[in-house]
Amino acid sequence: DDNNLKIGKYLPLHGIKIYPTEKLTKYEKVFIILLAWNFSVDIIKKLKKLNIQIIVLVPHPKLEVLNL
């Protein structure tokens, strides 16, 4: 996430820690399931700027698999 108010906090009920987007750059290949499909265009634009291999699965409203 890019929101400084969320980074370092946890998702309710699941306890998954929220990290900044830049943390992805330490990996060679990343798989992402993007559940916020209504923001997918903006999120994908930001992910493309990271210059790493990213595979994005957008399950809703129509299943899409994107190789960035």
N, C-alpha and C. Protein backbone atom coordinates (compact mmCIF):
# COMPACT_ATOMS: atom_id res chain seq x y z
N ASP A 1 0.84 -1.18 0.00
CA ASP A 1 0.00 0.00 0.00
C ASP A 1 0.89 1.24 0.00
N ASP A 2 0.40 2.32 -0.55
CA ASP A 2 1.15 3.57 -0.59
C ASP A 2 0.67 4.57 0.46
N ASN A 3 -0.33 4.21 1.23
CA ASN A 3 -0.89 5.10 2.24
C ASN A 3 -0.06 4.99 3.52
N ASN A 4 0.63 6.07 3.89
CA ASN A 4 1.49 6.06 5.08
C ASN A 4 0.73 5.76 6.37
N LEU A 5 -0.57 6.04 6.39
CA LEU A 5 -1.36 5.76 7.59
C LEU A 5 -1.61 4.26 7.77
N LYS A 6 -1.52 3.48 6.69
CA LYS A 6 -1.76 2.04 6.75
C LYS A 6 -0.49 1.22 6.94
N ILE A 7 0.64 1.72 6.44
CA ILE A 7 1.89 0.96 6.46
C ILE A 7 2.29 0.65 7.90
N GLY A 8 2.62 -0.61 8.14
CA GLY A 8 3.00 -1.06 9.47
C GLY A 8 1.84 -1.55 10.32
N LYS A 9 0.62 -1.31 9.86
CA LYS A 9 -0.57 -1.77 10.57
C LYS A 9 -0.94 -3.17 10.04
N TYR A 10 -2.04 -3.73 10.54
CA TYR A 10 -2.46 -5.08 10.17
C TYR A 10 -3.90 -5.06 9.65
N LEU A 11 -4.21 -5.99 8.74
CA LEU A 11 -5.58 -6.13 8.26
C LEU A 11 -6.44 -6.70 9.38
N PRO A 12 -7.63 -6.15 9.58
CA PRO A 12 -8.50 -6.67 10.61
C PRO A 12 -8.91 -8.12 10.32
N LEU A 13 -9.07 -8.89 11.34
CA LEU A 13 -9.49 -10.30 11.29
C LEU A 13 -8.42 -11.25 10.75
N HIS A 14 -7.54 -10.79 9.87
CA HIS A 14 -6.57 -11.69 9.24
C HIS A 14 -5.17 -11.53 9.81
N GLY A 15 -4.84 -10.38 10.32
CA GLY A 15 -3.53 -10.15 10.91
C GLY A 15 -2.40 -10.06 9.91
N ILE A 16 -2.71 -9.75 8.65
CA ILE A 16 -1.68 -9.61 7.62
C ILE A 16 -1.12 -8.19 7.71
N LYS A 17 0.21 -8.11 7.81
CA LYS A 17 0.86 -6.81 7.95
C LYS A 17 0.89 -6.08 6.60
N ILE A 18 0.70 -4.77 6.64
CA ILE A 18 0.70 -3.93 5.44
C ILE A 18 2.09 -3.33 5.25
N TYR A 19 2.67 -3.55 4.07
CA TYR A 19 4.00 -3.05 3.74
C TYR A 19 3.91 -2.03 2.61
N PRO A 20 4.92 -1.18 2.48
CA PRO A 20 4.94 -0.23 1.36
C PRO A 20 5.20 -0.96 0.03
N THR A 21 4.74 -0.40 -1.05
CA THR A 21 4.89 -1.00 -2.37
C THR A 21 6.36 -1.22 -2.73
N GLU A 22 7.24 -0.34 -2.29
CA GLU A 22 8.67 -0.43 -2.62
C GLU A 22 9.30 -1.72 -2.11
N LYS A 23 8.70 -2.34 -1.12
CA LYS A 23 9.24 -3.60 -0.58
C LYS A 23 9.25 -4.70 -1.63
N LEU A 24 8.39 -4.60 -2.63
CA LEU A 24 8.33 -5.60 -3.70
C LEU A 24 9.62 -5.63 -4.51
N THR A 25 10.36 -4.54 -4.56
CA THR A 25 11.54 -4.46 -5.41
C THR A 25 12.68 -5.36 -4.94
N LYS A 26 12.60 -5.90 -3.75
CA LYS A 26 13.66 -6.78 -3.28
C LYS A 26 13.51 -8.21 -3.82
N TYR A 27 12.41 -8.47 -4.54
CA TYR A 27 12.16 -9.78 -5.12
C TYR A 27 12.35 -9.74 -6.64
N GLU A 28 12.73 -10.88 -7.23
CA GLU A 28 12.91 -10.95 -8.68
C GLU A 28 11.58 -11.10 -9.40
N LYS A 29 10.70 -11.90 -8.81
CA LYS A 29 9.40 -12.18 -9.43
C LYS A 29 8.33 -12.13 -8.34
N VAL A 30 7.22 -11.47 -8.64
CA VAL A 30 6.16 -11.29 -7.65
C VAL A 30 4.82 -11.70 -8.26
N PHE A 31 4.02 -12.43 -7.49
CA PHE A 31 2.65 -12.76 -7.88
C PHE A 31 1.71 -11.99 -6.96
N ILE A 32 0.74 -11.29 -7.55
CA ILE A 32 -0.17 -10.46 -6.77
C ILE A 32 -1.61 -10.82 -7.14
N ILE A 33 -2.44 -11.03 -6.13
CA ILE A 33 -3.88 -11.17 -6.34
C ILE A 33 -4.48 -9.82 -5.98
N LEU A 34 -5.03 -9.16 -6.97
CA LEU A 34 -5.55 -7.80 -6.78
C LEU A 34 -7.06 -7.87 -6.58
N LEU A 35 -7.49 -7.73 -5.34
CA LEU A 35 -8.91 -7.81 -5.00
C LEU A 35 -9.62 -6.48 -5.16
N ALA A 36 -8.87 -5.39 -5.16
CA ALA A 36 -9.45 -4.06 -5.33
C ALA A 36 -9.59 -3.77 -6.82
N TRP A 37 -10.42 -4.56 -7.49
CA TRP A 37 -10.54 -4.50 -8.95
C TRP A 37 -10.97 -3.12 -9.44
N ASN A 38 -11.73 -2.38 -8.63
CA ASN A 38 -12.20 -1.07 -9.05
C ASN A 38 -11.06 -0.03 -9.09
N PHE A 39 -9.91 -0.34 -8.48
CA PHE A 39 -8.74 0.54 -8.53
C PHE A 39 -7.61 -0.08 -9.35
N SER A 40 -7.92 -1.15 -10.08
CA SER A 40 -6.88 -1.93 -10.74
C SER A 40 -6.08 -1.12 -11.76
N VAL A 41 -6.70 -0.23 -12.49
CA VAL A 41 -5.98 0.55 -13.51
C VAL A 41 -4.88 1.40 -12.85
N ASP A 42 -5.21 2.10 -11.79
CA ASP A 42 -4.23 2.93 -11.09
C ASP A 42 -3.14 2.09 -10.42
N ILE A 43 -3.53 1.00 -9.80
CA ILE A 43 -2.57 0.15 -9.11
C ILE A 43 -1.59 -0.48 -10.11
N ILE A 44 -2.08 -0.93 -11.25
CA ILE A 44 -1.23 -1.54 -12.26
C ILE A 44 -0.25 -0.52 -12.83
N LYS A 45 -0.67 0.71 -13.01
CA LYS A 45 0.25 1.76 -13.48
C LYS A 45 1.42 1.92 -12.51
N LYS A 46 1.12 1.91 -11.20
CA LYS A 46 2.17 2.05 -10.19
C LYS A 46 3.09 0.84 -10.17
N LEU A 47 2.51 -0.35 -10.34
CA LEU A 47 3.32 -1.57 -10.32
C LEU A 47 4.26 -1.65 -11.52
N LYS A 48 3.84 -1.16 -12.66
CA LYS A 48 4.68 -1.18 -13.86
C LYS A 48 5.96 -0.35 -13.66
N LYS A 49 5.89 0.67 -12.84
CA LYS A 49 7.04 1.54 -12.61
C LYS A 49 8.12 0.88 -11.76
N LEU A 50 7.84 -0.26 -11.13
CA LEU A 50 8.79 -0.91 -10.24
C LEU A 50 9.90 -1.65 -10.99
N ASN A 51 9.73 -1.91 -12.27
CA ASN A 51 10.74 -2.57 -13.11
C ASN A 51 11.17 -3.93 -12.58
N ILE A 52 10.21 -4.73 -12.13
CA ILE A 52 10.46 -6.12 -11.78
C ILE A 52 9.38 -6.95 -12.45
N GLN A 53 9.59 -8.27 -12.53
CA GLN A 53 8.59 -9.12 -13.15
C GLN A 53 7.44 -9.35 -12.18
N ILE A 54 6.26 -8.93 -12.58
CA ILE A 54 5.07 -9.04 -11.73
C ILE A 54 3.96 -9.71 -12.52
N ILE A 55 3.33 -10.71 -11.91
CA ILE A 55 2.15 -11.33 -12.49
C ILE A 55 0.98 -10.96 -11.58
N VAL A 56 -0.03 -10.34 -12.19
CA VAL A 56 -1.18 -9.85 -11.42
C VAL A 56 -2.42 -10.64 -11.82
N LEU A 57 -3.11 -11.16 -10.82
CA LEU A 57 -4.37 -11.85 -11.02
C LEU A 57 -5.48 -10.95 -10.50
N VAL A 58 -6.40 -10.57 -11.40
CA VAL A 58 -7.56 -9.75 -11.02
C VAL A 58 -8.80 -10.64 -11.20
N PRO A 59 -9.36 -11.18 -10.11
CA PRO A 59 -10.44 -12.16 -10.24
C PRO A 59 -11.84 -11.60 -10.51
N HIS A 60 -12.00 -10.29 -10.38
CA HIS A 60 -13.36 -9.74 -10.50
C HIS A 60 -13.31 -8.43 -11.26
N PRO A 61 -14.24 -8.02 -12.04
CA PRO A 61 -15.49 -8.68 -12.41
C PRO A 61 -15.29 -9.78 -13.45
N LYS A 62 -14.19 -9.73 -14.20
CA LYS A 62 -13.87 -10.79 -15.16
C LYS A 62 -12.43 -11.19 -14.88
N LEU A 63 -12.17 -12.48 -14.83
CA LEU A 63 -10.82 -12.96 -14.52
C LEU A 63 -9.82 -12.45 -15.52
N GLU A 64 -8.76 -11.80 -15.01
CA GLU A 64 -7.67 -11.31 -15.85
C GLU A 64 -6.35 -11.74 -15.23
N VAL A 65 -5.42 -12.16 -16.07
CA VAL A 65 -4.07 -12.46 -15.62
C VAL A 65 -3.15 -11.56 -16.44
N LEU A 66 -2.42 -10.69 -15.77
CA LEU A 66 -1.56 -9.72 -16.43
C LEU A 66 -0.10 -10.00 -16.09
N ASN A 67 0.74 -9.98 -17.11
CA ASN A 67 2.18 -10.14 -16.92
C ASN A 67 2.83 -8.78 -17.17
N LEU A 68 3.29 -8.14 -16.11
CA LEU A 68 3.86 -6.80 -16.23
C LEU A 68 5.36 -6.87 -16.41
